[in-house]
Amino acid sequence: MEPFNFNIPTKILFGESRIRELGEQINPDLNRILIVTDKNVSDKSGALVKIRSQLKDKLISVFDGVEENPSIDLIQKVKLLSQDKNIQ
């Protein structure tokens, strides 16, 4: 295998109540947001309510069907969903 470089710039905001800063972190030109999560996290954490309150002016879609050790089929499904201009 040939050597290569791979870089994924990732910003991680960690800490209590940091979700309040979400609105400041999202590019203002983005109008559609897809949140990918599992049912357990989305129901128990209350994060979706907080996210929606921060991003009231955005069209937010939620896919909460992520399972433990997701299959390639599930990943493909989410990819197609992210490309669907009609999701809501």
PDB file of N, CA and C in Angstrom:
ATOM      1  N   MET A   1       0.852  -1.170   0.000  1.00  0.00           N
ATOM      2  CA  MET A   1       0.000   0.000   0.000  1.00  0.00           C
ATOM      3  C   MET A   1       0.899   1.235   0.000  1.00  0.00           C
ATOM      4  N   GLU A   2       0.526   2.192  -0.809  1.00  0.00           N
ATOM      5  CA  GLU A   2       1.273   3.443  -0.893  1.00  0.00           C
ATOM      6  C   GLU A   2       0.981   4.315   0.328  1.00  0.00           C
ATOM      7  N   PRO A   3       1.974   5.034   0.824  1.00  0.00           N
ATOM      8  CA  PRO A   3       1.719   5.949   1.940  1.00  0.00           C
ATOM      9  C   PRO A   3       0.798   7.093   1.512  1.00  0.00           C
ATOM     10  N   PHE A   4       0.007   7.582   2.438  1.00  0.00           N
ATOM     11  CA  PHE A   4      -0.879   8.715   2.160  1.00  0.00           C
ATOM     12  C   PHE A   4      -1.145   9.473   3.443  1.00  0.00           C
ATOM     13  N   ASN A   5      -1.660  10.652   3.295  1.00  0.00           N
ATOM     14  CA  ASN A   5      -2.112  11.472   4.421  1.00  0.00           C
ATOM     15  C   ASN A   5      -3.620  11.555   4.370  1.00  0.00           C
ATOM     16  N   PHE A   6      -4.251  11.553   5.525  1.00  0.00           N
ATOM     17  CA  PHE A   6      -5.706  11.637   5.623  1.00  0.00           C
ATOM     18  C   PHE A   6      -6.024  12.606   6.747  1.00  0.00           C
ATOM     19  N   ASN A   7      -6.772  13.647   6.445  1.00  0.00           N
ATOM     20  CA  ASN A   7      -7.061  14.671   7.442  1.00  0.00           C
ATOM     21  C   ASN A   7      -8.549  14.990   7.444  1.00  0.00           C
ATOM     22  N   ILE A   8      -9.159  14.833   8.576  1.00  0.00           N
ATOM     23  CA  ILE A   8     -10.558  15.223   8.745  1.00  0.00           C
ATOM     24  C   ILE A   8     -10.592  16.251   9.872  1.00  0.00           C
ATOM     25  N   PRO A   9     -10.690  17.521   9.504  1.00  0.00           N
ATOM     26  CA  PRO A   9     -10.735  18.518  10.584  1.00  0.00           C
ATOM     27  C   PRO A   9     -12.039  18.379  11.376  1.00  0.00           C
ATOM     28  N   THR A  10     -11.901  18.116  12.637  1.00  0.00           N
ATOM     29  CA  THR A  10     -13.058  17.914  13.502  1.00  0.00           C
ATOM     30  C   THR A  10     -12.967  18.858  14.686  1.00  0.00           C
ATOM     31  N   LYS A  11     -14.043  19.537  14.924  1.00  0.00           N
ATOM     32  CA  LYS A  11     -14.109  20.433  16.080  1.00  0.00           C
ATOM     33  C   LYS A  11     -14.980  19.758  17.127  1.00  0.00           C
ATOM     34  N   ILE A  12     -14.467  19.622  18.322  1.00  0.00           N
ATOM     35  CA  ILE A  12     -15.212  19.007  19.417  1.00  0.00           C
ATOM     36  C   ILE A  12     -15.393  20.053  20.507  1.00  0.00           C
ATOM     37  N   LEU A  13     -16.645  20.305  20.849  1.00  0.00           N
ATOM     38  CA  LEU A  13     -16.966  21.197  21.968  1.00  0.00           C
ATOM     39  C   LEU A  13     -17.420  20.299  23.107  1.00  0.00           C
ATOM     40  N   PHE A  14     -16.675  20.285  24.171  1.00  0.00           N
ATOM     41  CA  PHE A  14     -16.973  19.402  25.282  1.00  0.00           C
ATOM     42  C   PHE A  14     -17.223  20.213  26.537  1.00  0.00           C
ATOM     43  N   GLY A  15     -18.227  19.826  27.274  1.00  0.00           N
ATOM     44  CA  GLY A  15     -18.482  20.465  28.556  1.00  0.00           C
ATOM     45  C   GLY A  15     -19.960  20.653  28.799  1.00  0.00           C
ATOM     46  N   GLU A  16     -20.286  20.846  30.034  1.00  0.00           N
ATOM     47  CA  GLU A  16     -21.678  21.029  30.432  1.00  0.00           C
ATOM     48  C   GLU A  16     -22.270  22.252  29.747  1.00  0.00           C
ATOM     49  N   SER A  17     -23.445  22.090  29.208  1.00  0.00           N
ATOM     50  CA  SER A  17     -24.231  23.161  28.575  1.00  0.00           C
ATOM     51  C   SER A  17     -23.622  23.716  27.291  1.00  0.00           C
ATOM     52  N   ARG A  18     -22.655  23.047  26.707  1.00  0.00           N
ATOM     53  CA  ARG A  18     -22.040  23.538  25.472  1.00  0.00           C
ATOM     54  C   ARG A  18     -23.012  23.500  24.303  1.00  0.00           C
ATOM     55  N   ILE A  19     -24.084  22.728  24.437  1.00  0.00           N
ATOM     56  CA  ILE A  19     -25.075  22.655  23.366  1.00  0.00           C
ATOM     57  C   ILE A  19     -25.698  24.032  23.109  1.00  0.00           C
ATOM     58  N   ARG A  20     -25.632  24.908  24.094  1.00  0.00           N
ATOM     59  CA  ARG A  20     -26.155  26.272  23.935  1.00  0.00           C
ATOM     60  C   ARG A  20     -25.391  27.056  22.866  1.00  0.00           C
ATOM     61  N   GLU A  21     -24.169  26.635  22.566  1.00  0.00           N
ATOM     62  CA  GLU A  21     -23.335  27.316  21.585  1.00  0.00           C
ATOM     63  C   GLU A  21     -23.551  26.809  20.161  1.00  0.00           C
ATOM     64  N   LEU A  22     -24.395  25.829  20.005  1.00  0.00           N
ATOM     65  CA  LEU A  22     -24.581  25.189  18.702  1.00  0.00           C
ATOM     66  C   LEU A  22     -24.961  26.182  17.614  1.00  0.00           C
ATOM     67  N   GLY A  23     -25.875  27.071  17.900  1.00  0.00           N
ATOM     68  CA  GLY A  23     -26.307  28.048  16.908  1.00  0.00           C
ATOM     69  C   GLY A  23     -25.171  28.906  16.380  1.00  0.00           C
ATOM     70  N   GLU A  24     -24.195  29.177  17.221  1.00  0.00           N
ATOM     71  CA  GLU A  24     -23.037  29.974  16.809  1.00  0.00           C
ATOM     72  C   GLU A  24     -22.056  29.173  15.963  1.00  0.00           C
ATOM     73  N   GLN A  25     -22.116  27.858  16.064  1.00  0.00           N
ATOM     74  CA  GLN A  25     -21.164  26.989  15.378  1.00  0.00           C
ATOM     75  C   GLN A  25     -21.625  26.580  13.981  1.00  0.00           C
ATOM     76  N   ILE A  26     -22.906  26.695  13.704  1.00  0.00           N
ATOM     77  CA  ILE A  26     -23.460  26.270  12.415  1.00  0.00           C
ATOM     78  C   ILE A  26     -23.323  27.402  11.408  1.00  0.00           C
ATOM     79  N   ASN A  27     -22.867  27.063  10.235  1.00  0.00           N
ATOM     80  CA  ASN A  27     -22.760  28.034   9.145  1.00  0.00           C
ATOM     81  C   ASN A  27     -24.142  28.647   8.898  1.00  0.00           C
ATOM     82  N   PRO A  28     -24.270  29.968   8.935  1.00  0.00           N
ATOM     83  CA  PRO A  28     -25.585  30.601   8.766  1.00  0.00           C
ATOM     84  C   PRO A  28     -26.210  30.362   7.385  1.00  0.00           C
ATOM     85  N   ASP A  29     -25.397  29.966   6.409  1.00  0.00           N
ATOM     86  CA  ASP A  29     -25.922  29.690   5.069  1.00  0.00           C
ATOM     87  C   ASP A  29     -26.582  28.320   4.965  1.00  0.00           C
ATOM     88  N   LEU A  30     -26.372  27.464   5.961  1.00  0.00           N
ATOM     89  CA  LEU A  30     -26.997  26.136   5.944  1.00  0.00           C
ATOM     90  C   LEU A  30     -28.439  26.253   6.402  1.00  0.00           C
ATOM     91  N   ASN A  31     -29.336  25.660   5.640  1.00  0.00           N
ATOM     92  CA  ASN A  31     -30.757  25.708   5.999  1.00  0.00           C
ATOM     93  C   ASN A  31     -31.313  24.355   6.409  1.00  0.00           C
ATOM     94  N   ARG A  32     -30.703  23.272   5.899  1.00  0.00           N
ATOM     95  CA  ARG A  32     -31.183  21.917   6.186  1.00  0.00           C
ATOM     96  C   ARG A  32     -30.145  21.188   7.019  1.00  0.00           C
ATOM     97  N   ILE A  33     -30.600  20.567   8.095  1.00  0.00           N
ATOM     98  CA  ILE A  33     -29.711  19.827   8.984  1.00  0.00           C
ATOM     99  C   ILE A  33     -30.316  18.452   9.228  1.00  0.00           C
ATOM    100  N   LEU A  34     -29.485  17.425   9.068  1.00  0.00           N
ATOM    101  CA  LEU A  34     -29.901  16.057   9.359  1.00  0.00           C
ATOM    102  C   LEU A  34     -29.151  15.598  10.599  1.00  0.00           C
ATOM    103  N   ILE A  35     -29.889  15.237  11.618  1.00  0.00           N
ATOM    104  CA  ILE A  35     -29.307  14.714  12.852  1.00  0.00           C
ATOM    105  C   ILE A  35     -29.441  13.203  12.811  1.00  0.00           C
ATOM    106  N   VAL A  36     -28.325  12.514  12.978  1.00  0.00           N
ATOM    107  CA  VAL A  36     -28.292  11.053  12.951  1.00  0.00           C
ATOM    108  C   VAL A  36     -27.975  10.580  14.360  1.00  0.00           C
ATOM    109  N   THR A  37     -28.888   9.793  14.918  1.00  0.00           N
ATOM    110  CA  THR A  37     -28.746   9.353  16.312  1.00  0.00           C
ATOM    111  C   THR A  37     -29.449   8.018  16.488  1.00  0.00           C
ATOM    112  N   ASP A  38     -29.490   7.534  17.716  1.00  0.00           N
ATOM    113  CA  ASP A  38     -30.308   6.351  17.994  1.00  0.00           C
ATOM    114  C   ASP A  38     -31.482   6.760  18.868  1.00  0.00           C
ATOM    115  N   LYS A  39     -32.488   5.933  18.894  1.00  0.00           N
ATOM    116  CA  LYS A  39     -33.729   6.251  19.603  1.00  0.00           C
ATOM    117  C   LYS A  39     -33.481   6.474  21.098  1.00  0.00           C
ATOM    118  N   ASN A  40     -32.637   5.666  21.677  1.00  0.00           N
ATOM    119  CA  ASN A  40     -32.370   5.758  23.109  1.00  0.00           C
ATOM    120  C   ASN A  40     -31.773   7.118  23.473  1.00  0.00           C
ATOM    121  N   VAL A  41     -30.749   7.529  22.752  1.00  0.00           N
ATOM    122  CA  VAL A  41     -30.092   8.804  23.050  1.00  0.00           C
ATOM    123  C   VAL A  41     -31.046   9.964  22.803  1.00  0.00           C
ATOM    124  N   SER A  42     -31.743   9.934  21.683  1.00  0.00           N
ATOM    125  CA  SER A  42     -32.613  11.066  21.354  1.00  0.00           C
ATOM    126  C   SER A  42     -33.768  11.200  22.340  1.00  0.00           C
ATOM    127  N   ASP A  43     -34.297  10.095  22.826  1.00  0.00           N
ATOM    128  CA  ASP A  43     -35.420  10.149  23.767  1.00  0.00           C
ATOM    129  C   ASP A  43     -34.995  10.525  25.183  1.00  0.00           C
ATOM    130  N   LYS A  44     -33.897   9.979  25.643  1.00  0.00           N
ATOM    131  CA  LYS A  44     -33.507  10.137  27.046  1.00  0.00           C
ATOM    132  C   LYS A  44     -32.695  11.384  27.339  1.00  0.00           C
ATOM    133  N   SER A  45     -31.945  11.871  26.378  1.00  0.00           N
ATOM    134  CA  SER A  45     -31.021  12.967  26.672  1.00  0.00           C
ATOM    135  C   SER A  45     -31.677  14.342  26.654  1.00  0.00           C
ATOM    136  N   GLY A  46     -32.749  14.486  25.911  1.00  0.00           N
ATOM    137  CA  GLY A  46     -33.357  15.805  25.759  1.00  0.00           C
ATOM    138  C   GLY A  46     -32.578  16.699  24.812  1.00  0.00           C
ATOM    139  N   ALA A  47     -31.540  16.162  24.187  1.00  0.00           N
ATOM    140  CA  ALA A  47     -30.687  16.963  23.307  1.00  0.00           C
ATOM    141  C   ALA A  47     -31.448  17.493  22.091  1.00  0.00           C
ATOM    142  N   LEU A  48     -32.352  16.699  21.538  1.00  0.00           N
ATOM    143  CA  LEU A  48     -33.072  17.157  20.350  1.00  0.00           C
ATOM    144  C   LEU A  48     -33.910  18.393  20.627  1.00  0.00           C
ATOM    145  N   VAL A  49     -34.529  18.455  21.780  1.00  0.00           N
ATOM    146  CA  VAL A  49     -35.318  19.634  22.155  1.00  0.00           C
ATOM    147  C   VAL A  49     -34.413  20.849  22.227  1.00  0.00           C
ATOM    148  N   LYS A  50     -33.244  20.679  22.836  1.00  0.00           N
ATOM    149  CA  LYS A  50     -32.291  21.784  22.962  1.00  0.00           C
ATOM    150  C   LYS A  50     -31.743  22.206  21.602  1.00  0.00           C
ATOM    151  N   ILE A  51     -31.464  21.226  20.755  1.00  0.00           N
ATOM    152  CA  ILE A  51     -30.959  21.541  19.413  1.00  0.00           C
ATOM    153  C   ILE A  51     -32.004  22.306  18.622  1.00  0.00           C
ATOM    154  N   ARG A  52     -33.232  21.832  18.654  1.00  0.00           N
ATOM    155  CA  ARG A  52     -34.307  22.520  17.915  1.00  0.00           C
ATOM    156  C   ARG A  52     -34.494  23.954  18.415  1.00  0.00           C
ATOM    157  N   SER A  53     -34.347  24.175  19.707  1.00  0.00           N
ATOM    158  CA  SER A  53     -34.520  25.532  20.227  1.00  0.00           C
ATOM    159  C   SER A  53     -33.373  26.445  19.782  1.00  0.00           C
ATOM    160  N   GLN A  54     -32.205  25.888  19.583  1.00  0.00           N
ATOM    161  CA  GLN A  54     -31.060  26.660  19.122  1.00  0.00           C
ATOM    162  C   GLN A  54     -31.129  26.975  17.630  1.00  0.00           C
ATOM    163  N   LEU A  55     -31.773  26.111  16.881  1.00  0.00           N
ATOM    164  CA  LEU A  55     -31.767  26.213  15.417  1.00  0.00           C
ATOM    165  C   LEU A  55     -33.178  26.363  14.859  1.00  0.00           C
ATOM    166  N   LYS A  56     -33.962  27.221  15.460  1.00  0.00           N
ATOM    167  CA  LYS A  56     -35.360  27.399  15.077  1.00  0.00           C
ATOM    168  C   LYS A  56     -35.546  27.793  13.619  1.00  0.00           C
ATOM    169  N   ASP A  57     -34.589  28.482  13.054  1.00  0.00           N
ATOM    170  CA  ASP A  57     -34.705  28.966  11.678  1.00  0.00           C
ATOM    171  C   ASP A  57     -34.229  27.946  10.647  1.00  0.00           C
ATOM    172  N   LYS A  58     -33.860  26.740  11.075  1.00  0.00           N
ATOM    173  CA  LYS A  58     -33.354  25.701  10.180  1.00  0.00           C
ATOM    174  C   LYS A  58     -34.381  24.587  10.018  1.00  0.00           C
ATOM    175  N   LEU A  59     -34.332  23.920   8.872  1.00  0.00           N
ATOM    176  CA  LEU A  59     -35.148  22.729   8.648  1.00  0.00           C
ATOM    177  C   LEU A  59     -34.363  21.545   9.203  1.00  0.00           C
ATOM    178  N   ILE A  60     -34.829  20.982  10.290  1.00  0.00           N
ATOM    179  CA  ILE A  60     -34.117  19.899  10.962  1.00  0.00           C
ATOM    180  C   ILE A  60     -34.866  18.593  10.737  1.00  0.00           C
ATOM    181  N   SER A  61     -34.147  17.604  10.216  1.00  0.00           N
ATOM    182  CA  SER A  61     -34.663  16.255  10.063  1.00  0.00           C
ATOM    183  C   SER A  61     -33.873  15.356  10.995  1.00  0.00           C
ATOM    184  N   VAL A  62     -34.539  14.338  11.525  1.00  0.00           N
ATOM    185  CA  VAL A  62     -33.891  13.434  12.472  1.00  0.00           C
ATOM    186  C   VAL A  62     -34.044  12.004  11.982  1.00  0.00           C
ATOM    187  N   PHE A  63     -32.928  11.309  11.910  1.00  0.00           N
ATOM    188  CA  PHE A  63     -32.940   9.864  11.683  1.00  0.00           C
ATOM    189  C   PHE A  63     -32.483   9.239  12.990  1.00  0.00           C
ATOM    190  N   ASP A  64     -33.403   8.548  13.688  1.00  0.00           N
ATOM    191  CA  ASP A  64     -33.066   7.974  14.989  1.00  0.00           C
ATOM    192  C   ASP A  64     -33.045   6.449  14.957  1.00  0.00           C
ATOM    193  N   GLY A  65     -32.719   5.906  13.788  1.00  0.00           N
ATOM    194  CA  GLY A  65     -32.695   4.461  13.630  1.00  0.00           C
ATOM    195  C   GLY A  65     -31.310   3.845  13.663  1.00  0.00           C
ATOM    196  N   VAL A  66     -30.331   4.560  14.196  1.00  0.00           N
ATOM    197  CA  VAL A  66     -28.985   3.999  14.261  1.00  0.00           C
ATOM    198  C   VAL A  66     -28.979   2.873  15.285  1.00  0.00           C
ATOM    199  N   GLU A  67     -28.379   1.781  14.897  1.00  0.00           N
ATOM    200  CA  GLU A  67     -28.286   0.611  15.766  1.00  0.00           C
ATOM    201  C   GLU A  67     -26.831   0.392  16.178  1.00  0.00           C
ATOM    202  N   GLU A  68     -26.640  -0.409  17.198  1.00  0.00           N
ATOM    203  CA  GLU A  68     -25.286  -0.745  17.614  1.00  0.00           C
ATOM    204  C   GLU A  68     -24.574  -1.458  16.470  1.00  0.00           C
ATOM    205  N   ASN A  69     -23.331  -1.086  16.228  1.00  0.00           N
ATOM    206  CA  ASN A  69     -22.553  -1.649  15.125  1.00  0.00           C
ATOM    207  C   ASN A  69     -23.322  -1.566  13.806  1.00  0.00           C
ATOM    208  N   PRO A  70     -23.586  -0.364  13.331  1.00  0.00           N
ATOM    209  CA  PRO A  70     -24.416  -0.194  12.135  1.00  0.00           C
ATOM    210  C   PRO A  70     -23.868  -0.935  10.926  1.00  0.00           C
ATOM    211  N   SER A  71     -24.780  -1.473  10.158  1.00  0.00           N
ATOM    212  CA  SER A  71     -24.417  -2.218   8.950  1.00  0.00           C
ATOM    213  C   SER A  71     -24.134  -1.250   7.800  1.00  0.00           C
ATOM    214  N   ILE A  72     -23.497  -1.758   6.779  1.00  0.00           N
ATOM    215  CA  ILE A  72     -23.256  -0.968   5.567  1.00  0.00           C
ATOM    216  C   ILE A  72     -24.591  -0.542   4.961  1.00  0.00           C
ATOM    217  N   ASP A  73     -25.594  -1.413   5.018  1.00  0.00           N
ATOM    218  CA  ASP A  73     -26.922  -1.069   4.486  1.00  0.00           C
ATOM    219  C   ASP A  73     -27.515   0.138   5.208  1.00  0.00           C
ATOM    220  N   LEU A  74     -27.355   0.177   6.513  1.00  0.00           N
ATOM    221  CA  LEU A  74     -27.871   1.324   7.280  1.00  0.00           C
ATOM    222  C   LEU A  74     -27.120   2.599   6.908  1.00  0.00           C
ATOM    223  N   ILE A  75     -25.824   2.496   6.780  1.00  0.00           N
ATOM    224  CA  ILE A  75     -25.025   3.663   6.403  1.00  0.00           C
ATOM    225  C   ILE A  75     -25.448   4.166   5.024  1.00  0.00           C
ATOM    226  N   GLN A  76     -25.691   3.251   4.104  1.00  0.00           N
ATOM    227  CA  GLN A  76     -26.150   3.629   2.763  1.00  0.00           C
ATOM    228  C   GLN A  76     -27.522   4.310   2.838  1.00  0.00           C
ATOM    229  N   LYS A  77     -28.399   3.806   3.689  1.00  0.00           N
ATOM    230  CA  LYS A  77     -29.727   4.396   3.860  1.00  0.00           C
ATOM    231  C   LYS A  77     -29.625   5.841   4.356  1.00  0.00           C
ATOM    232  N   VAL A  78     -28.755   6.072   5.325  1.00  0.00           N
ATOM    233  CA  VAL A  78     -28.582   7.431   5.860  1.00  0.00           C
ATOM    234  C   VAL A  78     -27.951   8.333   4.804  1.00  0.00           C
ATOM    235  N   LYS A  79     -27.030   7.794   4.035  1.00  0.00           N
ATOM    236  CA  LYS A  79     -26.420   8.582   2.961  1.00  0.00           C
ATOM    237  C   LYS A  79     -27.487   9.043   1.975  1.00  0.00           C
ATOM    238  N   LEU A  80     -28.344   8.124   1.550  1.00  0.00           N
ATOM    239  CA  LEU A  80     -29.419   8.487   0.613  1.00  0.00           C
ATOM    240  C   LEU A  80     -30.380   9.489   1.244  1.00  0.00           C
ATOM    241  N   LEU A  81     -30.677   9.297   2.507  1.00  0.00           N
ATOM    242  CA  LEU A  81     -31.561  10.216   3.219  1.00  0.00           C
ATOM    243  C   LEU A  81     -30.947  11.619   3.265  1.00  0.00           C
ATOM    244  N   SER A  82     -29.657  11.693   3.459  1.00  0.00           N
ATOM    245  CA  SER A  82     -29.001  13.004   3.536  1.00  0.00           C
ATOM    246  C   SER A  82     -29.028  13.737   2.196  1.00  0.00           C
ATOM    247  N   GLN A  83     -29.183  12.997   1.119  1.00  0.00           N
ATOM    248  CA  GLN A  83     -29.215  13.603  -0.206  1.00  0.00           C
ATOM    249  C   GLN A  83     -30.617  13.931  -0.684  1.00  0.00           C
ATOM    250  N   ASP A  84     -31.630  13.484   0.060  1.00  0.00           N
ATOM    251  CA  ASP A  84     -33.028  13.692  -0.313  1.00  0.00           C
ATOM    252  C   ASP A  84     -33.438  15.137   0.008  1.00  0.00           C
ATOM    253  N   LYS A  85     -33.752  15.883  -0.991  1.00  0.00           N
ATOM    254  CA  LYS A  85     -34.129  17.294  -0.812  1.00  0.00           C
ATOM    255  C   LYS A  85     -35.516  17.447  -0.192  1.00  0.00           C
ATOM    256  N   ASN A  86     -36.279  16.368  -0.106  1.00  0.00           N
ATOM    257  CA  ASN A  86     -37.653  16.440   0.398  1.00  0.00           C
ATOM    258  C   ASN A  86     -37.808  15.996   1.846  1.00  0.00           C
ATOM    259  N   ILE A  87     -36.724  15.632   2.513  1.00  0.00           N
ATOM    260  CA  ILE A  87     -36.876  15.157   3.893  1.00  0.00           C
ATOM    261  C   ILE A  87     -37.272  16.313   4.804  1.00  0.00           C
ATOM    262  N   GLN A  88     -38.036  15.957   5.823  1.00  0.00           N
ATOM    263  CA  GLN A  88     -38.451  16.972   6.804  1.00  0.00           C
ATOM    264  C   GLN A  88     -38.561  16.340   8.165  1.00  0.00           C
TER     265      GLN A  88
END
